[in-house]
Amino acid sequence: MNKSAMVRARIEPRLKDQVEDVFHRLGLSATEAVTLFYKQVVLRQGLPFEVSIPNDSTMKTFAATDAGKDVVVCKDAKALYSKLGI
């Protein structure tokens, strides 16, 4: 199929660099990644991931953790599992 349609978007330079680094590690070009995304949208008839607005409880949790409140820090996975009783 002839690829002649263009998609243009303005993206923050830092975000673009971070995303293109991920694409590179996956062995994808930006064009291949966008094509993959578009094909998934068609296949699923919507976005290929959940998009939702956080509820009040989630927003309060985000605010608390951003402020460093109610955060449990573990030095490694073993310590985390121990805290969880696993």
PDB file of N, CA and C in Angstrom:
ATOM      1  N   MET A   1       0.846  -1.185   0.000  1.00  0.00           N
ATOM      2  CA  MET A   1       0.000   0.000   0.000  1.00  0.00           C
ATOM      3  C   MET A   1       0.888   1.245   0.000  1.00  0.00           C
ATOM      4  N   ASN A   2       0.476   2.226  -0.745  1.00  0.00           N
ATOM      5  CA  ASN A   2       1.227   3.475  -0.854  1.00  0.00           C
ATOM      6  C   ASN A   2       1.088   4.295   0.423  1.00  0.00           C
ATOM      7  N   LYS A   3       2.205   4.643   1.022  1.00  0.00           N
ATOM      8  CA  LYS A   3       2.195   5.455   2.246  1.00  0.00           C
ATOM      9  C   LYS A   3       2.427   6.905   1.858  1.00  0.00           C
ATOM     10  N   SER A   4       1.335   7.652   1.720  1.00  0.00           N
ATOM     11  CA  SER A   4       1.484   9.043   1.304  1.00  0.00           C
ATOM     12  C   SER A   4       0.802  10.028   2.250  1.00  0.00           C
ATOM     13  N   ALA A   5       0.003   9.542   3.200  1.00  0.00           N
ATOM     14  CA  ALA A   5      -0.658  10.441   4.144  1.00  0.00           C
ATOM     15  C   ALA A   5       0.331  10.862   5.221  1.00  0.00           C
ATOM     16  N   MET A   6       0.234  12.092   5.670  1.00  0.00           N
ATOM     17  CA  MET A   6       1.145  12.617   6.690  1.00  0.00           C
ATOM     18  C   MET A   6       0.375  12.878   7.981  1.00  0.00           C
ATOM     19  N   VAL A   7       1.035  12.646   9.096  1.00  0.00           N
ATOM     20  CA  VAL A   7       0.518  12.981  10.419  1.00  0.00           C
ATOM     21  C   VAL A   7       1.554  13.901  11.043  1.00  0.00           C
ATOM     22  N   ARG A   8       1.119  15.053  11.531  1.00  0.00           N
ATOM     23  CA  ARG A   8       2.052  15.996  12.156  1.00  0.00           C
ATOM     24  C   ARG A   8       1.549  16.323  13.556  1.00  0.00           C
ATOM     25  N   ALA A   9       2.479  16.429  14.478  1.00  0.00           N
ATOM     26  CA  ALA A   9       2.117  16.771  15.858  1.00  0.00           C
ATOM     27  C   ALA A   9       3.274  17.522  16.504  1.00  0.00           C
ATOM     28  N   ARG A  10       2.954  18.461  17.357  1.00  0.00           N
ATOM     29  CA  ARG A  10       3.984  19.167  18.132  1.00  0.00           C
ATOM     30  C   ARG A  10       4.100  18.464  19.485  1.00  0.00           C
ATOM     31  N   ILE A  11       5.334  18.122  19.826  1.00  0.00           N
ATOM     32  CA  ILE A  11       5.618  17.380  21.049  1.00  0.00           C
ATOM     33  C   ILE A  11       6.746  18.091  21.793  1.00  0.00           C
ATOM     34  N   GLU A  12       6.704  18.055  23.127  1.00  0.00           N
ATOM     35  CA  GLU A  12       7.795  18.618  23.911  1.00  0.00           C
ATOM     36  C   GLU A  12       9.090  17.884  23.549  1.00  0.00           C
ATOM     37  N   PRO A  13      10.169  18.610  23.290  1.00  0.00           N
ATOM     38  CA  PRO A  13      11.429  17.967  22.864  1.00  0.00           C
ATOM     39  C   PRO A  13      11.920  16.873  23.807  1.00  0.00           C
ATOM     40  N   ARG A  14      11.839  17.097  25.104  1.00  0.00           N
ATOM     41  CA  ARG A  14      12.321  16.087  26.063  1.00  0.00           C
ATOM     42  C   ARG A  14      11.482  14.822  25.977  1.00  0.00           C
ATOM     43  N   LEU A  15      10.164  14.975  25.881  1.00  0.00           N
ATOM     44  CA  LEU A  15       9.271  13.823  25.761  1.00  0.00           C
ATOM     45  C   LEU A  15       9.573  13.065  24.471  1.00  0.00           C
ATOM     46  N   LYS A  16       9.757  13.800  23.377  1.00  0.00           N
ATOM     47  CA  LYS A  16      10.079  13.177  22.085  1.00  0.00           C
ATOM     48  C   LYS A  16      11.358  12.355  22.198  1.00  0.00           C
ATOM     49  N   ASP A  17      12.394  12.909  22.812  1.00  0.00           N
ATOM     50  CA  ASP A  17      13.660  12.195  22.972  1.00  0.00           C
ATOM     51  C   ASP A  17      13.483  10.925  23.810  1.00  0.00           C
ATOM     52  N   GLN A  18      12.720  11.026  24.899  1.00  0.00           N
ATOM     53  CA  GLN A  18      12.497   9.868  25.766  1.00  0.00           C
ATOM     54  C   GLN A  18      11.751   8.770  25.013  1.00  0.00           C
ATOM     55  N   VAL A  19      10.724   9.164  24.273  1.00  0.00           N
ATOM     56  CA  VAL A  19       9.924   8.194  23.528  1.00  0.00           C
ATOM     57  C   VAL A  19      10.754   7.552  22.424  1.00  0.00           C
ATOM     58  N   GLU A  20      11.519   8.356  21.700  1.00  0.00           N
ATOM     59  CA  GLU A  20      12.326   7.804  20.617  1.00  0.00           C
ATOM     60  C   GLU A  20      13.408   6.869  21.147  1.00  0.00           C
ATOM     61  N   ASP A  21      13.890   7.104  22.372  1.00  0.00           N
ATOM     62  CA  ASP A  21      14.840   6.182  22.990  1.00  0.00           C
ATOM     63  C   ASP A  21      14.172   4.831  23.233  1.00  0.00           C
ATOM     64  N   VAL A  22      12.945   4.861  23.722  1.00  0.00           N
ATOM     65  CA  VAL A  22      12.196   3.617  23.943  1.00  0.00           C
ATOM     66  C   VAL A  22      11.960   2.914  22.608  1.00  0.00           C
ATOM     67  N   PHE A  23      11.532   3.655  21.597  1.00  0.00           N
ATOM     68  CA  PHE A  23      11.322   3.059  20.275  1.00  0.00           C
ATOM     69  C   PHE A  23      12.604   2.389  19.778  1.00  0.00           C
ATOM     70  N   HIS A  24      13.732   3.075  19.947  1.00  0.00           N
ATOM     71  CA  HIS A  24      15.016   2.538  19.496  1.00  0.00           C
ATOM     72  C   HIS A  24      15.310   1.205  20.187  1.00  0.00           C
ATOM     73  N   ARG A  25      15.078   1.155  21.504  1.00  0.00           N
ATOM     74  CA  ARG A  25      15.320  -0.075  22.244  1.00  0.00           C
ATOM     75  C   ARG A  25      14.381  -1.196  21.804  1.00  0.00           C
ATOM     76  N   LEU A  26      13.194  -0.823  21.313  1.00  0.00           N
ATOM     77  CA  LEU A  26      12.236  -1.812  20.814  1.00  0.00           C
ATOM     78  C   LEU A  26      12.484  -2.170  19.354  1.00  0.00           C
ATOM     79  N   GLY A  27      13.412  -1.467  18.716  1.00  0.00           N
ATOM     80  CA  GLY A  27      13.697  -1.715  17.312  1.00  0.00           C
ATOM     81  C   GLY A  27      12.669  -1.114  16.379  1.00  0.00           C
ATOM     82  N   LEU A  28      12.005  -0.038  16.819  1.00  0.00           N
ATOM     83  CA  LEU A  28      10.964   0.614  16.024  1.00  0.00           C
ATOM     84  C   LEU A  28      11.370   2.032  15.649  1.00  0.00           C
ATOM     85  N   SER A  29      10.967   2.446  14.466  1.00  0.00           N
ATOM     86  CA  SER A  29      11.084   3.856  14.105  1.00  0.00           C
ATOM     87  C   SER A  29       9.830   4.553  14.617  1.00  0.00           C
ATOM     88  N   ALA A  30       9.848   5.878  14.640  1.00  0.00           N
ATOM     89  CA  ALA A  30       8.655   6.626  15.055  1.00  0.00           C
ATOM     90  C   ALA A  30       7.496   6.326  14.103  1.00  0.00           C
ATOM     91  N   THR A  31       7.784   6.218  12.816  1.00  0.00           N
ATOM     92  CA  THR A  31       6.738   5.911  11.840  1.00  0.00           C
ATOM     93  C   THR A  31       6.128   4.542  12.103  1.00  0.00           C
ATOM     94  N   GLU A  32       6.960   3.552  12.382  1.00  0.00           N
ATOM     95  CA  GLU A  32       6.445   2.207  12.673  1.00  0.00           C
ATOM     96  C   GLU A  32       5.607   2.201  13.946  1.00  0.00           C
ATOM     97  N   ALA A  33       6.043   2.945  14.960  1.00  0.00           N
ATOM     98  CA  ALA A  33       5.306   2.994  16.222  1.00  0.00           C
ATOM     99  C   ALA A  33       3.950   3.669  16.036  1.00  0.00           C
ATOM    100  N   VAL A  34       3.910   4.749  15.273  1.00  0.00           N
ATOM    101  CA  VAL A  34       2.633   5.440  15.022  1.00  0.00           C
ATOM    102  C   VAL A  34       1.711   4.533  14.208  1.00  0.00           C
ATOM    103  N   THR A  35       2.264   3.847  13.214  1.00  0.00           N
ATOM    104  CA  THR A  35       1.460   2.917  12.417  1.00  0.00           C
ATOM    105  C   THR A  35       0.896   1.809  13.298  1.00  0.00           C
ATOM    106  N   LEU A  36       1.714   1.266  14.188  1.00  0.00           N
ATOM    107  CA  LEU A  36       1.264   0.234  15.123  1.00  0.00           C
ATOM    108  C   LEU A  36       0.129   0.762  15.995  1.00  0.00           C
ATOM    109  N   PHE A  37       0.298   1.974  16.520  1.00  0.00           N
ATOM    110  CA  PHE A  37      -0.746   2.594  17.337  1.00  0.00           C
ATOM    111  C   PHE A  37      -2.042   2.732  16.538  1.00  0.00           C
ATOM    112  N   TYR A  38      -1.959   3.252  15.321  1.00  0.00           N
ATOM    113  CA  TYR A  38      -3.145   3.435  14.480  1.00  0.00           C
ATOM    114  C   TYR A  38      -3.835   2.099  14.202  1.00  0.00           C
ATOM    115  N   LYS A  39      -3.045   1.055  13.921  1.00  0.00           N
ATOM    116  CA  LYS A  39      -3.633  -0.261  13.649  1.00  0.00           C
ATOM    117  C   LYS A  39      -4.346  -0.820  14.866  1.00  0.00           C
ATOM    118  N   GLN A  40      -3.788  -0.577  16.053  1.00  0.00           N
ATOM    119  CA  GLN A  40      -4.435  -1.026  17.280  1.00  0.00           C
ATOM    120  C   GLN A  40      -5.740  -0.266  17.534  1.00  0.00           C
ATOM    121  N   VAL A  41      -5.761   1.016  17.226  1.00  0.00           N
ATOM    122  CA  VAL A  41      -6.991   1.807  17.372  1.00  0.00           C
ATOM    123  C   VAL A  41      -8.080   1.219  16.480  1.00  0.00           C
ATOM    124  N   VAL A  42      -7.737   0.889  15.234  1.00  0.00           N
ATOM    125  CA  VAL A  42      -8.715   0.294  14.313  1.00  0.00           C
ATOM    126  C   VAL A  42      -9.167  -1.060  14.838  1.00  0.00           C
ATOM    127  N   LEU A  43      -8.214  -1.911  15.238  1.00  0.00           N
ATOM    128  CA  LEU A  43      -8.527  -3.250  15.716  1.00  0.00           C
ATOM    129  C   LEU A  43      -9.455  -3.223  16.930  1.00  0.00           C
ATOM    130  N   ARG A  44      -9.185  -2.325  17.866  1.00  0.00           N
ATOM    131  CA  ARG A  44      -9.955  -2.252  19.114  1.00  0.00           C
ATOM    132  C   ARG A  44     -11.137  -1.288  19.050  1.00  0.00           C
ATOM    133  N   GLN A  45     -11.196  -0.519  17.960  1.00  0.00           N
ATOM    134  CA  GLN A  45     -12.241   0.497  17.814  1.00  0.00           C
ATOM    135  C   GLN A  45     -12.210   1.488  18.973  1.00  0.00           C
ATOM    136  N   GLY A  46     -11.022   1.851  19.381  1.00  0.00           N
ATOM    137  CA  GLY A  46     -10.804   2.803  20.469  1.00  0.00           C
ATOM    138  C   GLY A  46      -9.337   2.807  20.826  1.00  0.00           C
ATOM    139  N   LEU A  47      -8.998   3.537  21.851  1.00  0.00           N
ATOM    140  CA  LEU A  47      -7.604   3.594  22.285  1.00  0.00           C
ATOM    141  C   LEU A  47      -7.169   2.227  22.824  1.00  0.00           C
ATOM    142  N   PRO A  48      -5.933   1.831  22.562  1.00  0.00           N
ATOM    143  CA  PRO A  48      -5.463   0.517  23.011  1.00  0.00           C
ATOM    144  C   PRO A  48      -5.011   0.486  24.470  1.00  0.00           C
ATOM    145  N   PHE A  49      -5.510   1.409  25.256  1.00  0.00           N
ATOM    146  CA  PHE A  49      -5.221   1.460  26.688  1.00  0.00           C
ATOM    147  C   PHE A  49      -6.345   2.236  27.349  1.00  0.00           C
ATOM    148  N   GLU A  50      -6.497   2.031  28.647  1.00  0.00           N
ATOM    149  CA  GLU A  50      -7.560   2.705  29.387  1.00  0.00           C
ATOM    150  C   GLU A  50      -7.202   4.171  29.609  1.00  0.00           C
ATOM    151  N   VAL A  51      -8.167   5.029  29.396  1.00  0.00           N
ATOM    152  CA  VAL A  51      -8.016   6.450  29.693  1.00  0.00           C
ATOM    153  C   VAL A  51      -9.160   6.812  30.627  1.00  0.00           C
ATOM    154  N   SER A  52      -8.821   7.303  31.806  1.00  0.00           N
ATOM    155  CA  SER A  52      -9.866   7.647  32.766  1.00  0.00           C
ATOM    156  C   SER A  52      -9.424   8.834  33.615  1.00  0.00           C
ATOM    157  N   ILE A  53     -10.392   9.478  34.195  1.00  0.00           N
ATOM    158  CA  ILE A  53     -10.140  10.597  35.100  1.00  0.00           C
ATOM    159  C   ILE A  53     -10.130  10.024  36.512  1.00  0.00           C
ATOM    160  N   PRO A  54      -9.043  10.230  37.252  1.00  0.00           N
ATOM    161  CA  PRO A  54      -8.971   9.680  38.610  1.00  0.00           C
ATOM    162  C   PRO A  54     -10.098  10.210  39.504  1.00  0.00           C
ATOM    163  N   ASN A  55     -10.616   9.322  40.374  1.00  0.00           N
ATOM    164  CA  ASN A  55     -11.660   9.750  41.309  1.00  0.00           C
ATOM    165  C   ASN A  55     -11.032  10.536  42.464  1.00  0.00           C
ATOM    166  N   ASP A  56     -11.878  11.062  43.348  1.00  0.00           N
ATOM    167  CA  ASP A  56     -11.398  11.899  44.455  1.00  0.00           C
ATOM    168  C   ASP A  56     -10.392  11.168  45.353  1.00  0.00           C
ATOM    169  N   SER A  57     -10.666   9.909  45.645  1.00  0.00           N
ATOM    170  CA  SER A  57      -9.777   9.140  46.509  1.00  0.00           C
ATOM    171  C   SER A  57      -8.394   8.991  45.871  1.00  0.00           C
ATOM    172  N   THR A  58      -8.358   8.703  44.587  1.00  0.00           N
ATOM    173  CA  THR A  58      -7.085   8.564  43.886  1.00  0.00           C
ATOM    174  C   THR A  58      -6.352   9.892  43.843  1.00  0.00           C
ATOM    175  N   MET A  59      -7.063  10.986  43.597  1.00  0.00           N
ATOM    176  CA  MET A  59      -6.432  12.311  43.555  1.00  0.00           C
ATOM    177  C   MET A  59      -5.831  12.678  44.906  1.00  0.00           C
ATOM    178  N   LYS A  60      -6.530  12.335  45.999  1.00  0.00           N
ATOM    179  CA  LYS A  60      -5.999  12.604  47.340  1.00  0.00           C
ATOM    180  C   LYS A  60      -4.737  11.781  47.591  1.00  0.00           C
ATOM    181  N   THR A  61      -4.739  10.545  47.119  1.00  0.00           N
ATOM    182  CA  THR A  61      -3.563   9.688  47.275  1.00  0.00           C
ATOM    183  C   THR A  61      -2.386  10.249  46.485  1.00  0.00           C
ATOM    184  N   PHE A  62      -2.643  10.687  45.246  1.00  0.00           N
ATOM    185  CA  PHE A  62      -1.580  11.308  44.440  1.00  0.00           C
ATOM    186  C   PHE A  62      -1.002  12.523  45.170  1.00  0.00           C
ATOM    187  N   ALA A  63      -1.874  13.377  45.705  1.00  0.00           N
ATOM    188  CA  ALA A  63      -1.424  14.585  46.398  1.00  0.00           C
ATOM    189  C   ALA A  63      -0.593  14.223  47.628  1.00  0.00           C
ATOM    190  N   ALA A  64      -1.038  13.221  48.375  1.00  0.00           N
ATOM    191  CA  ALA A  64      -0.314  12.809  49.580  1.00  0.00           C
ATOM    192  C   ALA A  64       1.063  12.266  49.238  1.00  0.00           C
ATOM    193  N   THR A  65       1.138  11.408  48.237  1.00  0.00           N
ATOM    194  CA  THR A  65       2.442  10.841  47.883  1.00  0.00           C
ATOM    195  C   THR A  65       3.364  11.896  47.278  1.00  0.00           C
ATOM    196  N   ASP A  66       2.798  12.829  46.517  1.00  0.00           N
ATOM    197  CA  ASP A  66       3.614  13.930  45.983  1.00  0.00           C
ATOM    198  C   ASP A  66       4.207  14.763  47.112  1.00  0.00           C
ATOM    199  N   ALA A  67       3.457  14.861  48.220  1.00  0.00           N
ATOM    200  CA  ALA A  67       3.924  15.618  49.381  1.00  0.00           C
ATOM    201  C   ALA A  67       4.800  14.769  50.307  1.00  0.00           C
ATOM    202  N   GLY A  68       4.998  13.495  49.944  1.00  0.00           N
ATOM    203  CA  GLY A  68       5.829  12.616  50.764  1.00  0.00           C
ATOM    204  C   GLY A  68       5.117  12.048  51.972  1.00  0.00           C
ATOM    205  N   LYS A  69       3.797  12.129  52.006  1.00  0.00           N
ATOM    206  CA  LYS A  69       3.015  11.608  53.136  1.00  0.00           C
ATOM    207  C   LYS A  69       2.537  10.193  52.835  1.00  0.00           C
ATOM    208  N   ASP A  70       2.466   9.375  53.892  1.00  0.00           N
ATOM    209  CA  ASP A  70       1.955   8.002  53.775  1.00  0.00           C
ATOM    210  C   ASP A  70       2.705   7.182  52.737  1.00  0.00           C
ATOM    211  N   VAL A  71       4.010   7.422  52.620  1.00  0.00           N
ATOM    212  CA  VAL A  71       4.836   6.679  51.670  1.00  0.00           C
ATOM    213  C   VAL A  71       5.682   5.682  52.461  1.00  0.00           C
ATOM    214  N   VAL A  72       5.648   4.439  52.041  1.00  0.00           N
ATOM    215  CA  VAL A  72       6.468   3.405  52.658  1.00  0.00           C
ATOM    216  C   VAL A  72       7.632   3.130  51.718  1.00  0.00           C
ATOM    217  N   VAL A  73       8.835   3.256  52.218  1.00  0.00           N
ATOM    218  CA  VAL A  73      10.033   3.049  51.404  1.00  0.00           C
ATOM    219  C   VAL A  73      10.707   1.758  51.843  1.00  0.00           C
ATOM    220  N   CYS A  74      11.040   0.935  50.876  1.00  0.00           N
ATOM    221  CA  CYS A  74      11.741  -0.319  51.146  1.00  0.00           C
ATOM    222  C   CYS A  74      13.047  -0.314  50.372  1.00  0.00           C
ATOM    223  N   LYS A  75      14.095  -0.873  50.991  1.00  0.00           N
ATOM    224  CA  LYS A  75      15.400  -0.843  50.333  1.00  0.00           C
ATOM    225  C   LYS A  75      15.490  -1.809  49.159  1.00  0.00           C
ATOM    226  N   ASP A  76      14.651  -2.861  49.173  1.00  0.00           N
ATOM    227  CA  ASP A  76      14.663  -3.813  48.066  1.00  0.00           C
ATOM    228  C   ASP A  76      13.370  -4.628  48.090  1.00  0.00           C
ATOM    229  N   ALA A  77      13.240  -5.535  47.132  1.00  0.00           N
ATOM    230  CA  ALA A  77      12.022  -6.344  47.014  1.00  0.00           C
ATOM    231  C   ALA A  77      11.815  -7.224  48.242  1.00  0.00           C
ATOM    232  N   LYS A  78      12.893  -7.765  48.786  1.00  0.00           N
ATOM    233  CA  LYS A  78      12.779  -8.626  49.973  1.00  0.00           C
ATOM    234  C   LYS A  78      12.159  -7.860  51.136  1.00  0.00           C
ATOM    235  N   ALA A  79      12.612  -6.628  51.355  1.00  0.00           N
ATOM    236  CA  ALA A  79      12.055  -5.805  52.433  1.00  0.00           C
ATOM    237  C   ALA A  79      10.585  -5.482  52.160  1.00  0.00           C
ATOM    238  N   LEU A  80      10.251  -5.243  50.905  1.00  0.00           N
ATOM    239  CA  LEU A  80       8.855  -4.973  50.543  1.00  0.00           C
ATOM    240  C   LEU A  80       7.971  -6.176  50.848  1.00  0.00           C
ATOM    241  N   TYR A  81       8.428  -7.357  50.420  1.00  0.00           N
ATOM    242  CA  TYR A  81       7.644  -8.575  50.669  1.00  0.00           C
ATOM    243  C   TYR A  81       7.490  -8.820  52.180  1.00  0.00           C
ATOM    244  N   SER A  82       8.533  -8.519  52.926  1.00  0.00           N
ATOM    245  CA  SER A  82       8.466  -8.689  54.369  1.00  0.00           C
ATOM    246  C   SER A  82       7.415  -7.764  54.975  1.00  0.00           C
ATOM    247  N   LYS A  83       7.403  -6.492  54.524  1.00  0.00           N
ATOM    248  CA  LYS A  83       6.409  -5.532  55.029  1.00  0.00           C
ATOM    249  C   LYS A  83       4.992  -5.966  54.684  1.00  0.00           C
ATOM    250  N   LEU A  84       4.845  -6.598  53.510  1.00  0.00           N
ATOM    251  CA  LEU A  84       3.533  -7.053  53.068  1.00  0.00           C
ATOM    252  C   LEU A  84       3.146  -8.390  53.666  1.00  0.00           C
ATOM    253  N   GLY A  85       4.077  -9.027  54.370  1.00  0.00           N
ATOM    254  CA  GLY A  85       3.814 -10.323  54.972  1.00  0.00           C
ATOM    255  C   GLY A  85       3.769 -11.462  53.967  1.00  0.00           C
ATOM    256  N   ILE A  86       4.528 -11.268  52.902  1.00  0.00           N
ATOM    257  CA  ILE A  86       4.546 -12.302  51.845  1.00  0.00           C
ATOM    258  C   ILE A  86       5.777 -13.161  51.995  1.00  0.00           C
TER     259      ILE A  86
END
